[in-house]
Amino acid sequence: MADQRRPLRQIARPFVADGPTGVSIRDRLKQLTADDEKVLRLVGAHLGMLASRDLARRCRDGLEHSTDTWAGRKRDLTALSSSRWAGSITASTHDQWGLSRRAQHAHQQSLDAGIRMIRYRLSLPVGQKGSRGKPGGYRSSHEWFNKSRRLAILEERYEQIRAERDAGRVSITRGGRRLLGTRHNLTAANLTEAQWRAQWEAARWFLTADGESGKRFGNETIRVSADGEISIKLPAPLAEHANTKHGRYVLAAKVTFWHRGDEWRDRIQANRAVAYRIHLDTARGRWYLDASWTRKDFPVVPLATLRAHGVIAVDTNADHLAAWRLDEHGNPSGTPRRFNYQLSGSASHRDAQLRHALTRLLHWAKQTGVKAVAIEDLDFTDSTTREKHGRRKRFRQLISGIPTGRLRARLLSMCAEAGIGVIAVDPAYTSLWGAQHWQAPLTSNTHKTSRHAAASVAIGRRALGHRIRRRTTPPRAHQRDVHGHRTAQARPGDRESEENRPRAPGPRTRSVRAGRGANAVNQNTQDRSGCSAEHGVWQQNSLPLSL
């Protein structure tokens, strides 16, 4: 009979994940005067209007965009602001257009996957069960009919998206589409029309200036000195509001940047590029200044170096991180750890929960002395579709609830600052093989190993280059010590230390002659003083047996 088992897919090799490419820090603008806030609102509204016009022109250009059209847009913006403000606006516009273009492509791929899955399930008989990881037919003729209607809707939507993509048309909302939709649900959002209008206008302001290496303090548009003084280059129509020479306005507030302040200060004193962004939190009525710059000086640590001290293996789940420490030989040491988090509530609360769990994980990694954290390279782009899992809504919610992208970004940035590497491994069969080979051996009468903890062991062994499967114990007769372990050990440098110990000549007892008996081969290593297995100066001469 032929083997019906499904062949295993090829497993990718573990690799060292790249560190973050940039740094962003924030500080609050305190003690702003009424004139300061007035100028910031005027500048933000004026540049926001220019950014909206430029984005509309970029969307109209579509695929016909070129360097000439880009230069023409920048010239028109320069007359209404400045050359550096115009460069920041056009760069932001291109980033927005490119992001929307990528999102459009991802949406098209999602529609295509749903269409192919529905067509496959419609081709199967009603009620047929799935096998080998593929879903079966629909449960009833009523569900089959509804899915056929949905197939027509998805096909129409797919053709519309494809036509827009071929024509180079994208949909972008400055200020955010979610905030725009909130305008129609002010009661549910617990907002008044005036509050919503304030948030909408603040979200559409533009107060972002790109850095420029070689210029004073790394930025000529929004300049922040080493002592925290902030000066802004006003656009040409607002030059009358300047309070210092060269059309600049100096704010009364100063920034300190307690977090990474020394690194930021080193950059601006060396006139290296630093980008700044000023924004208003309308809910709290607070102004903030963000400073960001790129980092390309992260040392590349080889994979073998990270493996030398063992790893902390982490299994990612919807509500916790299951971690276990493994030594360089792939053996789990100590007890597993569980770091809980709750991904509910606001976005800031979810981010704080995830950051707190990762902080505890890294503190434990520093205490153990490991140099790397092993984690799965998760994606789940194909497993979250509703067309594949059908009515398994809770399973789809479980998969969608795992913060793969946010966890990856947060872990890479925090590990880079802690000096700990990140080893990404293929997630194939880690949960299955971990439970099969490690859950039962690691379970005792006092501690029950969970399936997630066993999966973390599988992840760590794969990151260290070992097989997940445990080495099978050889038969009793094939072991080195057939009759049990020896009571004495050889010196670390002795040759043939695994062989039988040499026997001392002469009789050892009155009843058994030398060279005979059950322990004849290792008489020298029994409980006697002066044998060759003992080392050191404290040895006692053997007593004569005739006394």
Protein backbone atom coordinates (compact mmCIF):
# COMPACT_ATOMS: atom_id res chain seq x y z
CA MET A 1 0.00 0.00 0.00
CA ALA A 2 1.36 3.40 -0.98
CA ASP A 3 2.32 5.87 1.72
CA GLN A 4 -0.51 8.42 2.12
CA ARG A 5 1.38 10.78 4.37
CA ARG A 6 1.68 14.35 3.18
CA PRO A 7 5.26 15.28 2.23
CA LEU A 8 6.92 17.87 4.44
CA ARG A 9 7.69 21.23 2.96
CA GLN A 10 11.25 22.48 2.81
CA ILE A 11 12.28 24.31 5.96
CA ALA A 12 14.21 27.56 5.56
CA ARG A 13 17.43 28.11 7.45
CA PRO A 14 17.48 30.38 10.51
CA PHE A 15 18.93 33.84 10.00
CA VAL A 16 19.86 36.88 12.05
CA ALA A 17 17.18 39.54 11.70
CA ASP A 18 18.31 43.02 10.74
CA GLY A 19 18.09 45.74 13.34
CA PRO A 20 15.93 48.87 13.08
CA THR A 21 16.87 51.35 10.40
CA GLY A 22 15.80 54.45 12.27
CA VAL A 23 15.29 56.08 15.65
CA SER A 24 12.47 58.36 16.78
CA ILE A 25 12.26 60.27 20.07
CA ARG A 26 9.66 62.69 21.40
CA ASP A 27 9.48 65.54 23.87
CA ARG A 28 6.67 67.85 24.92
CA LEU A 29 6.70 71.54 24.06
CA LYS A 30 5.94 73.18 27.40
CA GLN A 31 5.39 76.84 28.24
CA LEU A 32 4.27 77.84 24.76
CA THR A 33 2.89 81.36 24.59
CA ALA A 34 -0.32 82.35 22.81
CA ASP A 35 1.74 83.82 19.96
CA ASP A 36 3.69 80.56 19.64
CA GLU A 37 0.51 78.51 19.26
CA LYS A 38 -0.91 81.03 16.80
CA VAL A 39 2.19 80.83 14.59
CA LEU A 40 2.27 77.03 14.73
CA ARG A 41 -1.38 76.82 13.70
CA LEU A 42 -0.89 79.28 10.84
CA VAL A 43 2.19 77.50 9.52
CA GLY A 44 0.61 74.06 9.88
CA ALA A 45 -2.60 75.07 8.13
CA HIS A 46 -0.78 76.84 5.28
CA LEU A 47 1.64 73.97 4.62
CA GLY A 48 -1.18 71.44 5.03
CA MET A 49 -3.12 73.17 2.25
CA LEU A 50 -0.04 73.03 0.01
CA ALA A 51 0.46 69.33 0.85
CA SER A 52 -3.16 68.55 -0.08
CA ARG A 53 -2.79 70.29 -3.44
CA ASP A 54 0.48 68.54 -4.15
CA LEU A 55 -1.01 65.14 -3.30
CA ALA A 56 -3.93 65.78 -5.64
CA ARG A 57 -1.52 66.64 -8.46
CA ARG A 58 0.54 63.52 -7.78
CA CYS A 59 -2.58 61.35 -7.92
CA ARG A 60 -3.63 62.93 -11.21
CA ASP A 61 -0.20 62.21 -12.70
CA GLY A 62 -0.54 58.52 -11.86
CA LEU A 63 1.87 56.34 -13.82
CA GLU A 64 2.91 59.28 -16.00
CA HIS A 65 4.93 60.75 -13.16
CA SER A 66 8.54 61.66 -13.96
CA THR A 67 11.37 63.75 -12.61
CA ASP A 68 10.19 66.70 -14.71
CA THR A 69 6.71 66.69 -13.18
CA TRP A 70 8.28 66.33 -9.73
CA ALA A 71 10.53 69.34 -10.37
CA GLY A 72 7.56 71.35 -11.64
CA ARG A 73 5.52 70.63 -8.52
CA LYS A 74 8.45 71.58 -6.32
CA ARG A 75 8.95 74.90 -8.15
CA ASP A 76 5.30 75.82 -7.63
CA LEU A 77 5.51 74.99 -3.92
CA THR A 78 8.74 76.92 -3.46
CA ALA A 79 7.09 80.19 -4.48
CA LEU A 80 4.48 79.71 -1.71
CA SER A 81 6.80 78.41 1.03
CA SER A 82 10.54 77.77 0.62
CA SER A 83 12.72 75.31 -1.24
CA ARG A 84 13.25 73.10 1.82
CA TRP A 85 9.58 73.11 2.81
CA ALA A 86 8.74 72.21 -0.78
CA GLY A 87 11.21 69.32 -0.71
CA SER A 88 9.68 67.94 2.50
CA ILE A 89 6.15 68.22 1.11
CA THR A 90 6.93 66.46 -2.18
CA ALA A 91 8.86 63.71 -0.38
CA SER A 92 5.92 63.12 1.96
CA THR A 93 3.56 63.06 -1.01
CA HIS A 94 5.60 60.37 -2.75
CA ASP A 95 5.70 58.29 0.42
CA GLN A 96 1.91 58.49 0.74
CA TRP A 97 1.35 57.58 -2.89
CA GLY A 98 3.75 54.64 -2.70
CA LEU A 99 2.14 53.34 0.51
CA SER A 100 -1.32 53.48 -1.07
CA ARG A 101 0.02 51.71 -4.13
CA ARG A 102 1.39 48.86 -2.01
CA ALA A 103 -1.84 48.63 -0.03
CA GLN A 104 -3.78 48.44 -3.29
CA HIS A 105 -1.60 45.55 -4.45
CA ALA A 106 -2.07 43.72 -1.15
CA HIS A 107 -5.85 44.16 -1.41
CA GLN A 108 -5.79 42.77 -4.93
CA GLN A 109 -3.87 39.73 -3.77
CA SER A 110 -6.32 39.18 -0.92
CA LEU A 111 -9.27 39.28 -3.33
CA ASP A 112 -7.53 36.85 -5.67
CA ALA A 113 -6.89 34.39 -2.81
CA GLY A 114 -10.54 34.59 -1.74
CA ILE A 115 -11.79 34.02 -5.28
CA ARG A 116 -9.57 30.98 -5.80
CA MET A 117 -10.62 29.48 -2.46
CA ILE A 118 -14.35 29.96 -3.13
CA ARG A 119 -14.02 28.43 -6.59
CA TYR A 120 -12.23 25.42 -5.14
CA ARG A 121 -14.84 24.84 -2.44
CA LEU A 122 -17.71 25.32 -4.88
CA SER A 123 -16.23 22.61 -7.11
CA LEU A 124 -16.45 20.03 -4.29
CA PRO A 125 -19.65 18.13 -3.42
CA VAL A 126 -21.78 19.62 -0.68
CA GLY A 127 -20.83 18.20 2.71
CA GLN A 128 -17.47 16.75 1.68
CA LYS A 129 -14.87 16.99 4.45
CA GLY A 130 -11.47 18.55 3.98
CA SER A 131 -8.14 16.74 4.25
CA ARG A 132 -4.41 17.47 4.27
CA GLY A 133 -4.82 21.08 5.33
CA LYS A 134 -7.36 21.92 2.61
CA PRO A 135 -10.98 22.84 3.39
CA GLY A 136 -13.82 20.68 2.15
CA GLY A 137 -17.08 21.53 0.46
CA TYR A 138 -19.73 23.74 1.95
CA ARG A 139 -22.04 22.26 4.55
CA SER A 140 -25.36 22.89 2.85
CA SER A 141 -26.84 23.94 -0.45
CA HIS A 142 -27.93 27.23 1.15
CA GLU A 143 -24.34 28.08 2.08
CA TRP A 144 -23.21 26.97 -1.40
CA PHE A 145 -25.69 29.39 -2.98
CA ASN A 146 -24.63 32.33 -0.77
CA LYS A 147 -20.96 31.69 -1.52
CA SER A 148 -21.68 31.66 -5.24
CA ARG A 149 -23.23 35.11 -4.84
CA ARG A 150 -20.22 36.27 -2.87
CA LEU A 151 -17.94 34.95 -5.62
CA ALA A 152 -19.63 37.24 -8.12
CA ILE A 153 -19.19 40.23 -5.78
CA LEU A 154 -15.49 39.50 -5.22
CA GLU A 155 -14.88 39.05 -8.95
CA GLU A 156 -16.50 42.40 -9.71
CA ARG A 157 -14.48 44.08 -6.97
CA TYR A 158 -11.29 42.43 -8.22
CA GLU A 159 -11.82 43.72 -11.76
CA GLN A 160 -12.41 47.22 -10.39
CA ILE A 161 -9.21 47.18 -8.33
CA ARG A 162 -7.23 45.78 -11.26
CA ALA A 163 -8.51 48.51 -13.58
CA GLU A 164 -7.58 51.18 -11.05
CA ARG A 165 -4.13 49.69 -10.58
CA ASP A 166 -3.50 49.47 -14.32
CA ALA A 167 -4.54 53.11 -14.68
CA GLY A 168 -2.39 54.19 -11.70
CA ARG A 169 -5.31 55.50 -9.62
CA VAL A 170 -5.11 55.28 -5.81
CA SER A 171 -7.39 56.43 -2.98
CA ILE A 172 -5.75 58.58 -0.28
CA THR A 173 -7.37 60.57 2.52
CA ARG A 174 -5.18 63.19 4.18
CA GLY A 175 -6.02 63.08 7.84
CA GLY A 176 -7.00 59.40 7.87
CA ARG A 177 -9.99 57.53 6.48
CA ARG A 178 -10.98 56.32 9.93
CA LEU A 179 -11.19 59.86 11.28
CA LEU A 180 -13.20 60.85 8.21
CA GLY A 181 -15.69 58.05 8.89
CA THR A 182 -16.01 59.19 12.49
CA ARG A 183 -17.74 62.35 11.21
CA HIS A 184 -20.83 60.24 10.48
CA ASN A 185 -20.77 58.55 13.92
CA LEU A 186 -20.06 61.36 16.37
CA THR A 187 -22.34 59.88 19.02
CA ALA A 188 -20.58 56.52 19.00
CA ALA A 189 -17.19 58.29 19.15
CA ASN A 190 -18.39 60.53 22.02
CA LEU A 191 -17.38 63.67 20.14
CA THR A 192 -19.02 66.94 19.24
CA GLU A 193 -18.78 68.44 15.80
CA ALA A 194 -16.38 71.10 17.06
CA GLN A 195 -14.13 68.48 18.69
CA TRP A 196 -14.11 66.40 15.53
CA ARG A 197 -13.34 69.46 13.42
CA ALA A 198 -10.36 70.32 15.65
CA GLN A 199 -8.97 66.77 15.30
CA TRP A 200 -9.56 66.78 11.54
CA GLU A 201 -7.75 70.07 10.99
CA ALA A 202 -4.83 69.10 13.25
CA ALA A 203 -4.43 65.77 11.42
CA ARG A 204 -4.20 67.60 8.07
CA TRP A 205 -1.57 70.11 9.19
CA PHE A 206 1.95 69.74 7.86
CA LEU A 207 4.86 70.60 10.16
CA THR A 208 7.49 68.09 9.09
CA ALA A 209 11.01 69.05 7.99
CA ASP A 210 13.56 66.60 6.61
CA GLY A 211 17.12 66.78 7.88
CA GLU A 212 20.17 67.71 5.85
CA SER A 213 23.71 66.68 6.71
CA GLY A 214 26.31 69.42 6.69
CA LYS A 215 23.86 72.15 7.69
CA ARG A 216 23.81 73.77 11.09
CA PHE A 217 22.42 71.34 13.69
CA GLY A 218 21.39 68.98 10.87
CA ASN A 219 18.24 70.87 9.83
CA GLU A 220 17.74 74.33 8.35
CA THR A 221 13.93 74.38 8.38
CA ILE A 222 13.19 73.36 11.98
CA ARG A 223 16.42 74.01 13.85
CA VAL A 224 16.92 72.73 17.41
CA SER A 225 20.10 73.79 19.16
CA ALA A 226 22.01 71.81 21.76
CA ASP A 227 20.38 73.74 24.61
CA GLY A 228 16.88 72.90 23.27
CA GLU A 229 15.99 76.20 21.54
CA ILE A 230 13.59 75.72 18.59
CA SER A 231 13.47 78.04 15.59
CA ILE A 232 11.27 77.60 12.52
CA LYS A 233 11.84 78.96 9.02
CA LEU A 234 8.51 80.61 8.17
CA PRO A 235 6.99 80.24 4.69
CA ALA A 236 7.17 83.32 2.49
CA PRO A 237 3.50 84.42 2.95
CA LEU A 238 3.91 84.24 6.76
CA ALA A 239 7.27 86.02 7.02
CA GLU A 240 5.63 88.96 8.79
CA HIS A 241 5.24 86.84 11.94
CA ALA A 242 9.01 86.33 12.35
CA ASN A 243 10.51 87.42 15.67
CA THR A 244 14.17 87.13 14.62
CA LYS A 245 16.25 87.77 11.53
CA HIS A 246 16.23 85.77 8.28
CA GLY A 247 12.48 85.13 8.53
CA ARG A 248 12.68 82.74 11.46
CA TYR A 249 10.47 82.35 14.50
CA VAL A 250 11.92 81.19 17.84
CA LEU A 251 9.56 79.38 20.20
CA ALA A 252 9.55 80.12 23.90
CA ALA A 253 9.47 76.40 24.76
CA LYS A 254 12.62 74.30 24.92
CA VAL A 255 13.10 70.56 24.57
CA THR A 256 15.38 68.24 26.53
CA PHE A 257 14.94 64.74 25.03
CA TRP A 258 15.60 62.74 28.18
CA HIS A 259 15.44 59.52 26.17
CA ARG A 260 18.45 59.21 23.83
CA GLY A 261 19.32 62.83 24.50
CA ASP A 262 23.04 62.18 24.39
CA GLU A 263 22.80 60.42 21.04
CA TRP A 264 20.68 63.23 19.59
CA ARG A 265 23.07 65.85 20.93
CA ASP A 266 26.06 64.09 19.38
CA ARG A 267 24.34 64.14 15.99
CA ILE A 268 23.38 67.81 15.95
CA GLN A 269 26.79 68.92 17.22
CA ALA A 270 28.35 67.01 14.31
CA ASN A 271 25.79 68.62 11.92
CA ARG A 272 24.31 65.27 10.94
CA ALA A 273 20.79 65.07 9.51
CA VAL A 274 17.87 64.98 11.96
CA ALA A 275 14.22 65.21 10.85
CA TYR A 276 11.65 66.97 13.05
CA ARG A 277 7.87 66.90 13.26
CA ILE A 278 5.65 69.17 15.35
CA HIS A 279 2.10 67.99 16.05
CA LEU A 280 -0.80 68.72 18.38
CA ASP A 281 -2.64 66.23 20.57
CA THR A 282 -6.11 67.77 20.54
CA ALA A 283 -7.47 65.42 23.22
CA ARG A 284 -4.91 66.63 25.77
CA GLY A 285 -4.18 70.04 24.31
CA ARG A 286 -0.43 69.37 24.20
CA TRP A 287 2.18 70.10 21.54
CA TYR A 288 4.96 67.60 20.85
CA LEU A 289 8.21 67.57 18.88
CA ASP A 290 9.47 64.34 17.31
CA ALA A 291 13.10 63.91 16.25
CA SER A 292 14.11 61.03 14.00
CA TRP A 293 17.18 59.89 12.11
CA THR A 294 18.44 56.82 10.31
CA ARG A 295 20.91 54.37 11.80
CA LYS A 296 23.36 52.41 9.69
CA ASP A 297 26.03 51.67 12.27
CA PHE A 298 24.60 48.51 13.81
CA PRO A 299 27.30 45.81 14.00
CA VAL A 300 26.53 42.61 12.13
CA VAL A 301 26.94 39.72 14.59
CA PRO A 302 27.47 36.30 12.97
CA LEU A 303 24.99 33.55 13.69
CA ALA A 304 27.65 31.30 15.24
CA THR A 305 28.56 34.01 17.75
CA LEU A 306 24.97 34.41 18.87
CA ARG A 307 24.61 30.65 19.30
CA ALA A 308 27.69 30.31 21.51
CA HIS A 309 25.90 31.29 24.74
CA GLY A 310 22.56 29.64 24.03
CA VAL A 311 19.29 31.36 23.21
CA ILE A 312 15.98 32.37 24.74
CA ALA A 313 13.34 30.73 22.55
CA VAL A 314 9.97 32.49 22.33
CA ASP A 315 6.66 31.10 21.10
CA THR A 316 4.22 33.88 20.16
CA ASN A 317 0.57 33.47 21.09
CA ALA A 318 -2.54 35.63 21.12
CA ASP A 319 -2.33 36.48 24.83
CA HIS A 320 1.18 35.58 26.02
CA LEU A 321 4.78 34.80 25.13
CA ALA A 322 6.01 31.33 26.09
CA ALA A 323 9.80 31.37 26.56
CA TRP A 324 12.44 28.85 27.56
CA ARG A 325 16.21 29.10 27.85
CA LEU A 326 18.31 26.60 25.86
CA ASP A 327 22.06 26.10 26.13
CA GLU A 328 24.34 25.89 23.13
CA HIS A 329 23.73 22.12 22.86
CA GLY A 330 19.96 22.58 22.53
CA ASN A 331 19.06 21.38 26.03
CA PRO A 332 16.34 23.32 27.91
CA SER A 333 17.61 24.61 31.24
CA GLY A 334 15.68 25.99 34.16
CA THR A 335 11.94 26.43 34.03
CA PRO A 336 9.86 28.02 31.27
CA ARG A 337 8.59 31.56 31.57
CA ARG A 338 5.26 33.03 30.53
CA PHE A 339 4.84 36.74 29.77
CA ASN A 340 1.18 37.72 29.54
CA TYR A 341 -0.36 40.68 27.75
CA GLN A 342 -3.89 41.81 26.87
CA LEU A 343 -4.47 43.11 23.36
CA SER A 344 -7.70 44.94 24.13
CA GLY A 345 -8.65 48.56 24.49
CA SER A 346 -6.99 51.46 22.73
CA ALA A 347 -3.93 51.26 20.50
CA SER A 348 -1.75 52.92 23.12
CA HIS A 349 -2.86 50.38 25.74
CA ARG A 350 -2.11 47.45 23.42
CA ASP A 351 1.30 48.86 22.60
CA ALA A 352 2.06 49.37 26.29
CA GLN A 353 1.06 45.79 27.11
CA LEU A 354 3.32 44.42 24.38
CA ARG A 355 6.21 46.66 25.40
CA HIS A 356 5.88 45.59 29.03
CA ALA A 357 5.97 41.90 28.12
CA LEU A 358 9.05 42.37 25.93
CA THR A 359 10.78 44.39 28.65
CA ARG A 360 10.39 41.54 31.13
CA LEU A 361 11.62 39.11 28.49
CA LEU A 362 14.78 41.13 27.82
CA HIS A 363 15.48 41.57 31.53
CA TRP A 364 15.41 37.81 31.90
CA ALA A 365 17.68 37.41 28.86
CA LYS A 366 20.24 39.76 30.41
CA GLN A 367 20.16 37.87 33.70
CA THR A 368 20.80 34.54 32.00
CA GLY A 369 23.66 35.92 29.87
CA VAL A 370 22.37 34.81 26.46
CA LYS A 371 23.16 36.89 23.40
CA ALA A 372 20.16 36.08 21.22
CA VAL A 373 16.39 35.63 21.24
CA ALA A 374 14.92 33.05 18.86
CA ILE A 375 11.46 33.70 17.45
CA GLU A 376 9.35 32.44 14.58
CA ASP A 377 9.21 34.37 11.33
CA LEU A 378 5.41 34.61 11.34
CA ASP A 379 3.23 36.14 8.65
CA PHE A 380 -0.27 34.55 8.64
CA THR A 381 -1.30 36.38 5.45
CA ASP A 382 -2.94 33.25 4.06
CA SER A 383 -4.36 31.85 7.30
CA THR A 384 -6.55 34.83 8.22
CA THR A 385 -8.84 34.73 5.20
CA ARG A 386 -12.48 33.95 5.96
CA GLU A 387 -12.83 31.95 2.76
CA LYS A 388 -10.34 29.28 3.86
CA HIS A 389 -11.60 28.61 7.39
CA GLY A 390 -15.26 29.40 6.79
CA ARG A 391 -17.28 29.23 9.99
CA ARG A 392 -14.26 28.82 12.23
CA LYS A 393 -14.62 32.39 13.36
CA ARG A 394 -12.89 31.97 16.70
CA PHE A 395 -9.88 30.37 15.02
CA ARG A 396 -9.65 33.25 12.55
CA GLN A 397 -9.89 35.73 15.40
CA LEU A 398 -7.16 33.85 17.25
CA ILE A 399 -4.79 33.99 14.28
CA SER A 400 -5.61 37.62 13.57
CA GLY A 401 -5.10 38.54 17.22
CA ILE A 402 -1.44 37.52 17.27
CA PRO A 403 0.51 40.79 16.88
CA THR A 404 3.04 39.54 14.34
CA GLY A 405 4.02 42.82 12.68
CA ARG A 406 3.94 45.01 15.79
CA LEU A 407 5.78 42.37 17.83
CA ARG A 408 8.49 42.03 15.21
CA ALA A 409 9.13 45.76 14.99
CA ARG A 410 9.05 46.30 18.73
CA LEU A 411 11.28 43.30 19.46
CA LEU A 412 13.91 44.31 16.91
CA SER A 413 14.17 47.86 18.25
CA MET A 414 14.31 46.83 21.92
CA CYS A 415 16.81 44.03 21.34
CA ALA A 416 19.06 46.36 19.36
CA GLU A 417 19.27 48.75 22.29
CA ALA A 418 19.87 45.91 24.76
CA GLY A 419 22.69 44.41 22.66
CA ILE A 420 20.80 41.17 22.04
CA GLY A 421 20.44 39.61 18.60
CA VAL A 422 17.25 38.18 17.11
CA ILE A 423 17.32 34.83 15.29
CA ALA A 424 14.31 34.22 13.05
CA VAL A 425 13.38 30.63 12.26
CA ASP A 426 10.91 28.93 9.98
CA PRO A 427 7.65 28.33 11.91
CA ALA A 428 6.87 25.06 10.11
CA TYR A 429 5.86 22.20 12.44
CA THR A 430 7.30 23.81 15.60
CA SER A 431 4.09 23.41 17.62
CA LEU A 432 3.44 19.91 16.30
CA TRP A 433 6.94 18.51 16.78
CA GLY A 434 7.47 20.36 20.03
CA ALA A 435 4.42 18.70 21.56
CA GLN A 436 5.36 15.35 20.05
CA HIS A 437 8.98 15.17 21.16
CA TRP A 438 9.33 17.52 24.14
CA GLN A 439 6.07 17.99 26.02
CA ALA A 440 5.98 14.58 27.71
CA PRO A 441 9.72 14.34 28.60
CA LEU A 442 9.66 17.83 30.17
CA THR A 443 6.54 17.11 32.24
CA SER A 444 7.02 15.95 35.84
CA ASN A 445 4.79 15.27 38.83
CA THR A 446 5.22 18.83 40.07
CA HIS A 447 5.31 20.73 36.76
CA LYS A 448 3.18 20.27 33.68
CA THR A 449 4.72 21.54 30.46
CA SER A 450 2.29 23.31 28.15
CA ARG A 451 2.15 22.85 24.42
CA HIS A 452 3.38 26.39 23.90
CA ALA A 453 6.43 25.87 26.15
CA ALA A 454 7.28 22.71 24.22
CA ALA A 455 6.97 24.68 20.99
CA SER A 456 9.48 27.22 22.32
CA VAL A 457 11.99 24.39 22.82
CA ALA A 458 11.48 23.36 19.20
CA ILE A 459 12.03 26.96 18.08
CA GLY A 460 15.23 27.23 20.11
CA ARG A 461 16.68 23.99 18.80
CA ARG A 462 16.00 25.04 15.23
CA ALA A 463 17.66 28.41 15.88
CA LEU A 464 20.73 26.64 17.30
CA GLY A 465 21.02 24.41 14.24
CA HIS A 466 19.91 21.19 15.98
CA ARG A 467 17.17 18.84 15.02
CA ILE A 468 13.91 19.25 16.90
CA ARG A 469 13.65 15.50 17.46
CA ARG A 470 15.19 14.20 20.67
CA ARG A 471 18.00 11.64 20.37
CA THR A 472 16.62 8.15 20.95
CA THR A 473 18.19 6.28 23.87
CA PRO A 474 20.17 3.26 22.59
CA PRO A 475 19.40 -0.25 23.85
CA ARG A 476 20.85 -1.29 27.21
CA ALA A 477 23.40 -3.64 25.72
CA HIS A 478 24.65 -0.93 23.32
CA GLN A 479 25.41 1.67 25.98
CA ARG A 480 28.97 2.35 27.11
CA ASP A 481 28.28 1.35 30.72
CA VAL A 482 26.47 -1.96 30.36
CA HIS A 483 26.13 -2.61 34.09
CA GLY A 484 25.54 0.93 35.28
CA HIS A 485 27.60 4.05 35.85
CA ARG A 486 31.03 3.96 37.41
CA THR A 487 31.61 5.34 40.87
CA ALA A 488 34.95 6.99 39.97
CA GLN A 489 35.78 9.35 37.14
CA ALA A 490 39.00 9.87 35.22
CA ARG A 491 40.85 13.13 35.01
CA PRO A 492 39.62 15.52 32.29
CA GLY A 493 42.82 15.14 30.28
CA ASP A 494 43.22 11.33 30.52
CA ARG A 495 43.17 9.40 27.28
CA GLU A 496 40.73 6.54 26.80
CA SER A 497 38.75 7.78 29.79
CA GLU A 498 35.68 5.90 28.62
CA GLU A 499 37.43 2.50 28.67
CA ASN A 500 37.60 0.06 31.60
CA ARG A 501 40.00 1.10 34.34
CA PRO A 502 43.25 -0.90 34.53
CA ARG A 503 43.35 -3.41 37.42
CA ALA A 504 46.10 -3.52 40.01
CA PRO A 505 48.12 -6.81 40.12
CA GLY A 506 47.92 -9.17 43.07
CA PRO A 507 45.13 -10.57 45.20
CA ARG A 508 42.61 -8.12 46.68
CA THR A 509 40.57 -10.51 48.89
CA ARG A 510 41.18 -13.89 50.51
CA SER A 511 38.23 -15.62 48.82
CA VAL A 512 38.56 -14.32 45.23
CA ARG A 513 41.82 -14.48 43.33
CA ALA A 514 43.11 -11.56 41.31
CA GLY A 515 41.51 -11.11 37.88
CA ARG A 516 38.29 -12.90 38.79
CA GLY A 517 34.87 -11.97 40.09
CA ALA A 518 32.08 -9.74 38.88
CA ASN A 519 34.13 -6.56 39.21
CA ALA A 520 37.45 -7.95 38.12
CA VAL A 521 38.05 -5.39 35.37
CA ASN A 522 37.63 -2.34 37.59
CA GLN A 523 38.89 -3.51 41.00
CA ASN A 524 41.17 -0.52 41.02
CA THR A 525 38.21 1.87 41.07
CA GLN A 526 36.31 0.35 43.98
CA ASP A 527 36.11 1.97 47.40
CA ARG A 528 39.80 1.68 48.21
CA SER A 529 42.36 4.28 49.01
CA GLY A 530 45.37 4.85 46.81
CA CYS A 531 43.81 3.72 43.54
CA SER A 532 44.86 5.39 40.30
CA ALA A 533 41.44 7.05 39.90
CA GLU A 534 42.10 9.25 42.92
CA HIS A 535 44.17 12.35 42.29
CA GLY A 536 45.64 14.81 44.74
CA VAL A 537 48.11 14.63 47.59
CA TRP A 538 45.73 13.29 50.22
CA GLN A 539 46.17 9.52 49.78
CA GLN A 540 46.41 6.84 52.47
CA ASN A 541 48.55 3.74 52.15
CA SER A 542 46.62 0.45 52.02
CA LEU A 543 46.62 -1.63 55.19
CA PRO A 544 48.07 -5.14 55.08
CA LEU A 545 45.37 -7.78 54.90
CA SER A 546 47.20 -10.07 57.31
CA LEU A 547 46.49 -7.90 60.38
